[in-house]
C-alpha atoms as a PDB file:
ATOM      1  CA  MET A   1     -34.979  35.156 -16.041  1.00  0.00           C
ATOM      2  CA  ARG A   2     -35.853  32.456 -13.495  1.00  0.00           C
ATOM      3  CA  PHE A   3     -35.204  29.776 -16.098  1.00  0.00           C
ATOM      4  CA  LEU A   4     -31.774  31.226 -16.858  1.00  0.00           C
ATOM      5  CA  PHE A   5     -30.887  31.337 -13.156  1.00  0.00           C
ATOM      6  CA  ALA A   6     -32.087  27.739 -12.680  1.00  0.00           C
ATOM      7  CA  ALA A   7     -30.065  26.592 -15.711  1.00  0.00           C
ATOM      8  CA  ILE A   8     -26.894  28.297 -14.452  1.00  0.00           C
ATOM      9  CA  LEU A   9     -27.393  26.869 -10.955  1.00  0.00           C
ATOM     10  CA  GLY A  10     -27.943  23.393 -12.413  1.00  0.00           C
ATOM     11  CA  LEU A  11     -24.742  23.599 -14.447  1.00  0.00           C
ATOM     12  CA  ALA A  12     -22.787  24.829 -11.442  1.00  0.00           C
ATOM     13  CA  LEU A  13     -24.074  22.008  -9.256  1.00  0.00           C
ATOM     14  CA  ALA A  14     -23.358  19.410 -11.935  1.00  0.00           C
ATOM     15  CA  GLY A  15     -19.775  20.595 -12.110  1.00  0.00           C
ATOM     16  CA  CYS A  16     -19.442  20.276  -8.351  1.00  0.00           C
ATOM     17  CA  SER A  17     -20.910  16.785  -8.088  1.00  0.00           C
ATOM     18  CA  ALA A  18     -17.548  15.132  -7.390  1.00  0.00           C
ATOM     19  CA  LEU A  19     -16.123  17.934  -5.252  1.00  0.00           C
ATOM     20  CA  GLU A  20     -15.571  16.866  -1.678  1.00  0.00           C
ATOM     21  CA  MET A  21     -17.313  18.569   1.174  1.00  0.00           C
ATOM     22  CA  PRO A  22     -14.759  20.061   3.585  1.00  0.00           C
ATOM     23  CA  GLY A  23     -13.936  17.833   6.538  1.00  0.00           C
ATOM     24  CA  SER A  24     -15.759  14.857   5.079  1.00  0.00           C
ATOM     25  CA  ALA A  25     -12.837  12.628   4.095  1.00  0.00           C
ATOM     26  CA  ARG A  26     -11.916   9.378   5.818  1.00  0.00           C
ATOM     27  CA  TYR A  27      -8.506   7.863   5.151  1.00  0.00           C
ATOM     28  CA  PHE A  28      -7.627   4.170   5.021  1.00  0.00           C
ATOM     29  CA  SER A  29      -4.439   2.125   5.084  1.00  0.00           C
ATOM     30  CA  ASN A  30      -3.902  -1.479   4.025  1.00  0.00           C
ATOM     31  CA  GLN A  31      -2.497  -2.295   7.484  1.00  0.00           C
ATOM     32  CA  PRO A  32      -3.178  -1.100  11.038  1.00  0.00           C
ATOM     33  CA  GLY A  33      -1.277   2.131  11.697  1.00  0.00           C
ATOM     34  CA  GLY A  34      -0.066   2.318   8.093  1.00  0.00           C
ATOM     35  CA  LEU A  35       0.059   5.238   5.714  1.00  0.00           C
ATOM     36  CA  PRO A  36      -3.194   6.044   3.928  1.00  0.00           C
ATOM     37  CA  PHE A  37      -3.638   4.872   0.358  1.00  0.00           C
ATOM     38  CA  LEU A  38      -7.382   5.376   0.031  1.00  0.00           C
ATOM     39  CA  LYS A  39      -9.597   8.379   0.736  1.00  0.00           C
ATOM     40  CA  ILE A  40     -13.371   8.172   0.994  1.00  0.00           C
ATOM     41  CA  GLY A  41     -15.077  11.543   0.864  1.00  0.00           C
ATOM     42  CA  ALA A  42     -18.566  12.944   0.569  1.00  0.00           C
ATOM     43  CA  SER A  43     -20.020  15.018  -2.219  1.00  0.00           C
ATOM     44  CA  PRO A  44     -23.507  16.210  -3.140  1.00  0.00           C
ATOM     45  CA  SER A  45     -23.721  13.194  -5.506  1.00  0.00           C
ATOM     46  CA  GLY A  46     -22.672  10.608  -2.919  1.00  0.00           C
ATOM     47  CA  PRO A  47     -19.491   9.043  -1.545  1.00  0.00           C
ATOM     48  CA  THR A  48     -16.279   9.564  -3.500  1.00  0.00           C
ATOM     49  CA  LEU A  49     -13.120   7.498  -3.746  1.00  0.00           C
ATOM     50  CA  ALA A  50      -9.590   8.768  -4.346  1.00  0.00           C
ATOM     51  CA  VAL A  51      -6.322   6.826  -4.228  1.00  0.00           C
ATOM     52  CA  MET A  52      -2.813   7.941  -3.361  1.00  0.00           C
ATOM     53  CA  ASN A  53      -0.589   8.394  -6.414  1.00  0.00           C
ATOM     54  CA  PRO A  54       3.074   7.288  -6.318  1.00  0.00           C
ATOM     55  CA  ASP A  55       4.140  10.951  -5.992  1.00  0.00           C
ATOM     56  CA  GLY A  56       2.035  11.405  -2.822  1.00  0.00           C
ATOM     57  CA  SER A  57      -0.784  13.358  -4.454  1.00  0.00           C
ATOM     58  CA  TRP A  58      -4.383  12.143  -4.501  1.00  0.00           C
ATOM     59  CA  SER A  59      -6.235  11.119  -7.628  1.00  0.00           C
ATOM     60  CA  LYS A  60      -9.298  13.121  -8.549  1.00  0.00           C
ATOM     61  CA  PRO A  61     -12.193  11.960  -6.325  1.00  0.00           C
ATOM     62  CA  ARG A  62     -14.773   9.965  -8.252  1.00  0.00           C
ATOM     63  CA  VAL A  63     -18.354   9.346  -7.188  1.00  0.00           C
ATOM     64  CA  MET A  64     -19.190   5.764  -6.229  1.00  0.00           C
ATOM     65  CA  LYS A  65     -22.544   4.095  -6.847  1.00  0.00           C
ATOM     66  CA  PRO A  66     -24.400   2.152  -4.134  1.00  0.00           C
ATOM     67  CA  VAL A  67     -24.430  -1.643  -4.296  1.00  0.00           C
ATOM     68  CA  ARG A  68     -27.706  -3.173  -3.138  1.00  0.00           C
ATOM     69  CA  PRO A  69     -27.887  -6.510  -1.292  1.00  0.00           C
ATOM     70  CA  ASP A  70     -29.431  -8.133  -4.386  1.00  0.00           C
ATOM     71  CA  GLN A  71     -26.432  -7.160  -6.561  1.00  0.00           C
ATOM     72  CA  PRO A  72     -23.048  -8.912  -6.912  1.00  0.00           C
ATOM     73  CA  PRO A  73     -20.759  -9.331  -5.048  1.00  0.00           C
ATOM     74  CA  ILE A  74     -23.130  -9.166  -2.075  1.00  0.00           C
ATOM     75  CA  SER A  75     -25.749 -11.419  -3.653  1.00  0.00           C
ATOM     76  CA  THR A  76     -23.189 -13.906  -4.953  1.00  0.00           C
ATOM     77  CA  THR A  77     -21.184 -14.341  -1.740  1.00  0.00           C
ATOM     78  CA  PRO A  78     -23.005 -16.538   0.794  1.00  0.00           C
ATOM     79  CA  GLY A  79     -23.481 -14.791   4.141  1.00  0.00           C
ATOM     80  CA  LEU A  80     -22.065 -11.438   3.017  1.00  0.00           C
ATOM     81  CA  ALA A  81     -25.403  -9.589   3.032  1.00  0.00           C
ATOM     82  CA  ALA A  82     -25.805 -10.275   6.758  1.00  0.00           C
ATOM     83  CA  LEU A  83     -22.449  -8.609   7.479  1.00  0.00           C
ATOM     84  CA  VAL A  84     -22.600  -5.534   5.223  1.00  0.00           C
ATOM     85  CA  GLU A  85     -23.976  -2.185   6.341  1.00  0.00           C
ATOM     86  CA  ASN A  86     -23.008  -0.193   3.210  1.00  0.00           C
ATOM     87  CA  ALA A  87     -21.397  -1.009  -0.111  1.00  0.00           C
ATOM     88  CA  HIS A  88     -20.369   1.250  -2.979  1.00  0.00           C
ATOM     89  CA  ARG A  89     -18.825   0.523  -6.372  1.00  0.00           C
ATOM     90  CA  ILE A  90     -16.521   2.371  -8.715  1.00  0.00           C
ATOM     91  CA  ASP A  91     -15.305   0.555 -11.818  1.00  0.00           C
ATOM     92  CA  ASP A  92     -14.238  -2.939 -10.689  1.00  0.00           C
ATOM     93  CA  TYR A  93     -13.748  -1.908  -7.051  1.00  0.00           C
ATOM     94  CA  VAL A  94     -16.278  -2.330  -4.258  1.00  0.00           C
ATOM     95  CA  PHE A  95     -15.845  -0.614  -0.903  1.00  0.00           C
ATOM     96  CA  LEU A  96     -17.661  -2.494   1.873  1.00  0.00           C
ATOM     97  CA  GLU A  97     -18.511  -1.222   5.343  1.00  0.00           C
ATOM     98  CA  PHE A  98     -19.450  -4.022   7.691  1.00  0.00           C
ATOM     99  CA  LYS A  99     -21.909  -3.765  10.560  1.00  0.00           C
ATOM    100  CA  SER A 100     -20.224  -2.861  13.849  1.00  0.00           C
ATOM    101  CA  ASP A 101     -21.067  -6.271  15.344  1.00  0.00           C
ATOM    102  CA  ALA A 102     -20.140  -8.303  12.244  1.00  0.00           C
ATOM    103  CA  LYS A 103     -18.391 -11.603  12.961  1.00  0.00           C
ATOM    104  CA  LEU A 104     -17.026 -14.370  10.804  1.00  0.00           C
ATOM    105  CA  HIS A 105     -16.847 -17.834  12.396  1.00  0.00           C
ATOM    106  CA  ASP A 106     -17.739 -16.195  15.748  1.00  0.00           C
ATOM    107  CA  ARG A 107     -14.708 -13.882  15.564  1.00  0.00           C
ATOM    108  CA  PRO A 108     -14.779 -10.101  15.024  1.00  0.00           C
ATOM    109  CA  LEU A 109     -13.493  -8.895  11.675  1.00  0.00           C
ATOM    110  CA  PRO A 110     -10.052  -7.207  11.674  1.00  0.00           C
ATOM    111  CA  SER A 111     -11.649  -3.994  10.335  1.00  0.00           C
ATOM    112  CA  ARG A 112     -15.113  -2.710   9.483  1.00  0.00           C
ATOM    113  CA  TYR A 113     -13.873  -1.726   6.012  1.00  0.00           C
ATOM    114  CA  PHE A 114     -12.894  -3.792   2.989  1.00  0.00           C
ATOM    115  CA  LEU A 115     -11.835  -2.890  -0.538  1.00  0.00           C
ATOM    116  CA  LEU A 116     -12.632  -5.607  -3.037  1.00  0.00           C
ATOM    117  CA  PRO A 117     -10.239  -6.524  -4.573  1.00  0.00           C
ATOM    118  CA  GLY A 118      -7.585  -5.538  -2.136  1.00  0.00           C
ATOM    119  CA  GLY A 119      -8.485  -6.680   1.337  1.00  0.00           C
ATOM    120  CA  PHE A 120      -9.246  -5.076   4.657  1.00  0.00           C
ATOM    121  CA  ALA A 121      -8.870  -1.307   4.914  1.00  0.00           C
ATOM    122  CA  TYR A 122      -7.934   0.200   8.279  1.00  0.00           C
ATOM    123  CA  PRO A 123      -8.870   3.735   9.354  1.00  0.00           C
ATOM    124  CA  SER A 124      -5.813   5.971   9.192  1.00  0.00           C
ATOM    125  CA  GLN A 125      -4.803   9.530   9.915  1.00  0.00           C
ATOM    126  CA  PRO A 126      -4.686  12.003   7.019  1.00  0.00           C
ATOM    127  CA  PRO A 127      -1.223  12.335   5.474  1.00  0.00           C
ATOM    128  CA  GLY A 128       1.066  14.658   7.374  1.00  0.00           C
ATOM    129  CA  ARG A 129      -0.547  14.097  10.773  1.00  0.00           C
END
């Protein structure tokens, strides 16, 4: 009986691995004060990424995998490891979060967030707010 319960619980949790935790989403625009196009959420399996569809709906959130400092693009871009606090990958996209005091050529970065490829991502309000 315990085995059956554990198996059912395991299947239920596996199905929920990409479900967002309520209140966990952060929204990002490609310009300061712009409309969000990117949503980073949290799930039991790790951070998720969803993008805004042309019709205004969000794509299904997908779990991202961590990128370590010894992995590309961090390891292949000189000086990047010193700036990055967190990095996560999904397909060919890498979402970077820079350290709060990160500077490039002695100047603060325009945003702490970057989507590679794509450019800087700026924190934004959820749609409809």
